[in-house]
C-alpha atoms as a PDB file:
ATOM      1  CA  MET A   1      -8.710 -34.438-135.407  1.00  0.00           C
ATOM      2  CA  THR A   2      -6.093 -36.952-136.425  1.00  0.00           C
ATOM      3  CA  ASN A   3      -6.705 -39.328-139.293  1.00  0.00           C
ATOM      4  CA  GLN A   4      -3.895 -41.674-138.189  1.00  0.00           C
ATOM      5  CA  ALA A   5      -4.617 -44.781-136.151  1.00  0.00           C
ATOM      6  CA  ILE A   6      -3.228 -44.821-132.645  1.00  0.00           C
ATOM      7  CA  PRO A   7      -0.476 -47.462-132.273  1.00  0.00           C
ATOM      8  CA  ALA A   8      -1.582 -50.551-130.323  1.00  0.00           C
ATOM      9  CA  TRP A   9       1.320 -50.158-127.879  1.00  0.00           C
ATOM     10  CA  ALA A  10       0.376 -46.580-126.963  1.00  0.00           C
ATOM     11  CA  VAL A  11      -1.744 -47.172-123.862  1.00  0.00           C
ATOM     12  CA  PRO A  12      -1.567 -45.788-120.325  1.00  0.00           C
ATOM     13  CA  GLY A  13       0.923 -47.755-118.264  1.00  0.00           C
ATOM     14  CA  ALA A  14       3.022 -48.838-121.272  1.00  0.00           C
ATOM     15  CA  LYS A  15       6.790 -48.379-121.054  1.00  0.00           C
ATOM     16  CA  VAL A  16       8.257 -46.396-123.956  1.00  0.00           C
ATOM     17  CA  VAL A  17      11.732 -45.243-124.986  1.00  0.00           C
ATOM     18  CA  CYS A  18      12.456 -41.767-126.334  1.00  0.00           C
ATOM     19  CA  ILE A  19      13.994 -42.103-129.811  1.00  0.00           C
ATOM     20  CA  ASP A  20      14.007 -38.431-130.812  1.00  0.00           C
ATOM     21  CA  ASP A  21      15.144 -35.661-128.477  1.00  0.00           C
ATOM     22  CA  SER A  22      16.276 -33.240-131.176  1.00  0.00           C
ATOM     23  CA  TYR A  23      13.639 -30.508-130.692  1.00  0.00           C
ATOM     24  CA  PRO A  24      11.255 -29.094-128.063  1.00  0.00           C
ATOM     25  CA  ASP A  25       8.089 -30.990-127.248  1.00  0.00           C
ATOM     26  CA  VAL A  26       4.576 -29.902-128.141  1.00  0.00           C
ATOM     27  CA  GLY A  27       3.548 -27.020-125.889  1.00  0.00           C
ATOM     28  CA  GLY A  28       6.849 -26.475-124.129  1.00  0.00           C
ATOM     29  CA  GLY A  29      10.578 -26.098-124.283  1.00  0.00           C
ATOM     30  CA  VAL A  30      11.523 -29.117-122.193  1.00  0.00           C
ATOM     31  CA  PHE A  31      13.402 -31.906-123.917  1.00  0.00           C
ATOM     32  CA  PHE A  32      13.007 -35.617-123.296  1.00  0.00           C
ATOM     33  CA  VAL A  33      16.220 -37.614-123.032  1.00  0.00           C
ATOM     34  CA  LYS A  34      16.984 -40.028-125.863  1.00  0.00           C
ATOM     35  CA  ASN A  35      17.186 -43.733-124.887  1.00  0.00           C
ATOM     36  CA  THR A  36      15.419 -43.047-121.574  1.00  0.00           C
ATOM     37  CA  VAL A  37      12.430 -45.189-120.568  1.00  0.00           C
ATOM     38  CA  TYR A  38       9.173 -43.415-119.688  1.00  0.00           C
ATOM     39  CA  THR A  39       5.697 -44.628-118.690  1.00  0.00           C
ATOM     40  CA  ILE A  40       2.705 -43.388-120.696  1.00  0.00           C
ATOM     41  CA  LYS A  41       0.201 -41.571-118.510  1.00  0.00           C
ATOM     42  CA  GLU A  42      -2.216 -40.364-121.206  1.00  0.00           C
ATOM     43  CA  VAL A  43      -2.570 -40.458-125.019  1.00  0.00           C
ATOM     44  CA  PHE A  44      -4.576 -37.856-126.936  1.00  0.00           C
ATOM     45  CA  PRO A  45      -4.873 -36.276-130.411  1.00  0.00           C
ATOM     46  CA  VAL A  46      -3.049 -33.035-131.223  1.00  0.00           C
ATOM     47  CA  GLY A  47      -3.884 -31.778-134.699  1.00  0.00           C
ATOM     48  CA  ARG A  48      -3.125 -34.601-137.123  1.00  0.00           C
ATOM     49  CA  ASN A  49      -0.826 -36.451-134.717  1.00  0.00           C
ATOM     50  CA  TRP A  50      -1.030 -38.282-131.415  1.00  0.00           C
ATOM     51  CA  ALA A  51       0.645 -36.960-128.289  1.00  0.00           C
ATOM     52  CA  CYS A  52       1.251 -38.392-124.844  1.00  0.00           C
ATOM     53  CA  ARG A  53       2.035 -37.368-121.309  1.00  0.00           C
ATOM     54  CA  VAL A  54       4.369 -39.480-119.218  1.00  0.00           C
ATOM     55  CA  ARG A  55       4.365 -40.215-115.483  1.00  0.00           C
ATOM     56  CA  GLU A  56       8.001 -39.239-115.056  1.00  0.00           C
ATOM     57  CA  CYS A  57       7.360 -35.615-116.064  1.00  0.00           C
ATOM     58  CA  SER A  58       6.546 -33.366-113.103  1.00  0.00           C
ATOM     59  CA  ASP A  59       4.647 -30.826-115.269  1.00  0.00           C
ATOM     60  CA  PRO A  60       1.107 -32.254-115.764  1.00  0.00           C
ATOM     61  CA  GLN A  61       0.577 -30.137-118.906  1.00  0.00           C
ATOM     62  CA  HIS A  62       3.802 -31.172-120.644  1.00  0.00           C
ATOM     63  CA  ASN A  63       3.426 -33.571-123.575  1.00  0.00           C
ATOM     64  CA  ALA A  64       5.278 -34.896-126.610  1.00  0.00           C
ATOM     65  CA  ARG A  65       4.360 -36.307-129.991  1.00  0.00           C
ATOM     66  CA  LEU A  66       3.951 -40.054-129.833  1.00  0.00           C
ATOM     67  CA  ASN A  67       6.196 -40.619-132.865  1.00  0.00           C
ATOM     68  CA  ARG A  68       9.137 -39.554-130.682  1.00  0.00           C
ATOM     69  CA  PHE A  69       8.816 -42.830-128.746  1.00  0.00           C
ATOM     70  CA  ARG A  70       8.872 -46.558-129.403  1.00  0.00           C
ATOM     71  CA  PRO A  71       7.707 -49.374-127.146  1.00  0.00           C
ATOM     72  CA  ALA A  72      10.272 -50.468-124.584  1.00  0.00           C
ATOM     73  CA  VAL A  73      11.186 -54.128-124.868  1.00  0.00           C
ATOM     74  CA  GLU A  74      12.157 -55.963-121.728  1.00  0.00           C
ATOM     75  CA  PRO A  75      15.373 -57.945-122.183  1.00  0.00           C
ATOM     76  CA  LYS A  76      15.002 -61.720-122.151  1.00  0.00           C
ATOM     77  CA  THR A  77      16.467 -63.692-119.323  1.00  0.00           C
ATOM     78  CA  LEU A  78      19.198 -66.233-119.949  1.00  0.00           C
ATOM     79  CA  GLU A  79      16.669 -68.929-119.037  1.00  0.00           C
ATOM     80  CA  GLU A  80      14.244 -67.780-121.774  1.00  0.00           C
ATOM     81  CA  ASP A  81      17.017 -67.647-124.383  1.00  0.00           C
ATOM     82  CA  THR A  82      18.301 -71.088-123.357  1.00  0.00           C
ATOM     83  CA  ALA A  83      14.798 -72.609-123.548  1.00  0.00           C
ATOM     84  CA  LEU A  84      14.330 -71.321-127.094  1.00  0.00           C
ATOM     85  CA  PHE A  85      17.721 -72.695-128.140  1.00  0.00           C
ATOM     86  CA  GLU A  86      16.962 -76.107-126.604  1.00  0.00           C
ATOM     87  CA  ASP A  87      13.601 -76.248-128.408  1.00  0.00           C
ATOM     88  CA  ILE A  88      15.324 -75.643-131.738  1.00  0.00           C
ATOM     89  CA  VAL A  89      18.068 -78.232-131.044  1.00  0.00           C
ATOM     90  CA  ARG A  90      15.444 -80.845-130.061  1.00  0.00           C
ATOM     91  CA  GLY A  91      13.684 -80.246-133.367  1.00  0.00           C
ATOM     92  CA  MET A  92      10.480 -78.968-131.785  1.00  0.00           C
ATOM     93  CA  SER A  93       8.012 -77.962-134.481  1.00  0.00           C
ATOM     94  CA  LEU A  94       6.843 -74.395-134.891  1.00  0.00           C
ATOM     95  CA  VAL A  95       3.334 -75.389-133.768  1.00  0.00           C
ATOM     96  CA  GLU A  96       4.722 -76.996-130.588  1.00  0.00           C
ATOM     97  CA  ARG A  97       6.805 -73.896-129.855  1.00  0.00           C
ATOM     98  CA  LEU A  98       3.798 -71.620-130.418  1.00  0.00           C
ATOM     99  CA  ASP A  99       1.718 -73.805-128.085  1.00  0.00           C
ATOM    100  CA  ARG A 100       4.426 -73.460-125.419  1.00  0.00           C
ATOM    101  CA  ILE A 101       4.483 -69.670-125.853  1.00  0.00           C
ATOM    102  CA  LYS A 102       0.686 -69.516-125.595  1.00  0.00           C
ATOM    103  CA  GLU A 103       0.775 -71.550-122.373  1.00  0.00           C
ATOM    104  CA  SER A 104       3.352 -69.240-120.829  1.00  0.00           C
ATOM    105  CA  LEU A 105       1.307 -66.166-121.780  1.00  0.00           C
ATOM    106  CA  ASP A 106      -1.902 -67.661-120.382  1.00  0.00           C
ATOM    107  CA  SER A 107      -0.346 -68.457-117.007  1.00  0.00           C
END
């Protein structure tokens, strides 16, 4: 059993990006494609590491070590970037900006 903590982002349904496609995956010879986005289907321990299966893989037994992925980050919209810039220009305090972020996450 693994003695490493599972990353908080590694949950079913999470979007991840392959960052290492240099060698075959655990249990198979298929390679994932670097910089491609996948969706985690399942996370489970393999020896001292964590592994995952992804929805985009047609072989239900095929998996890869979790350290070959990172969380996918959705790009910000121009509107979100502009709002942040305007807050800074207006001199909005950090607390006010954090309150605004919390409100947007709660809605």
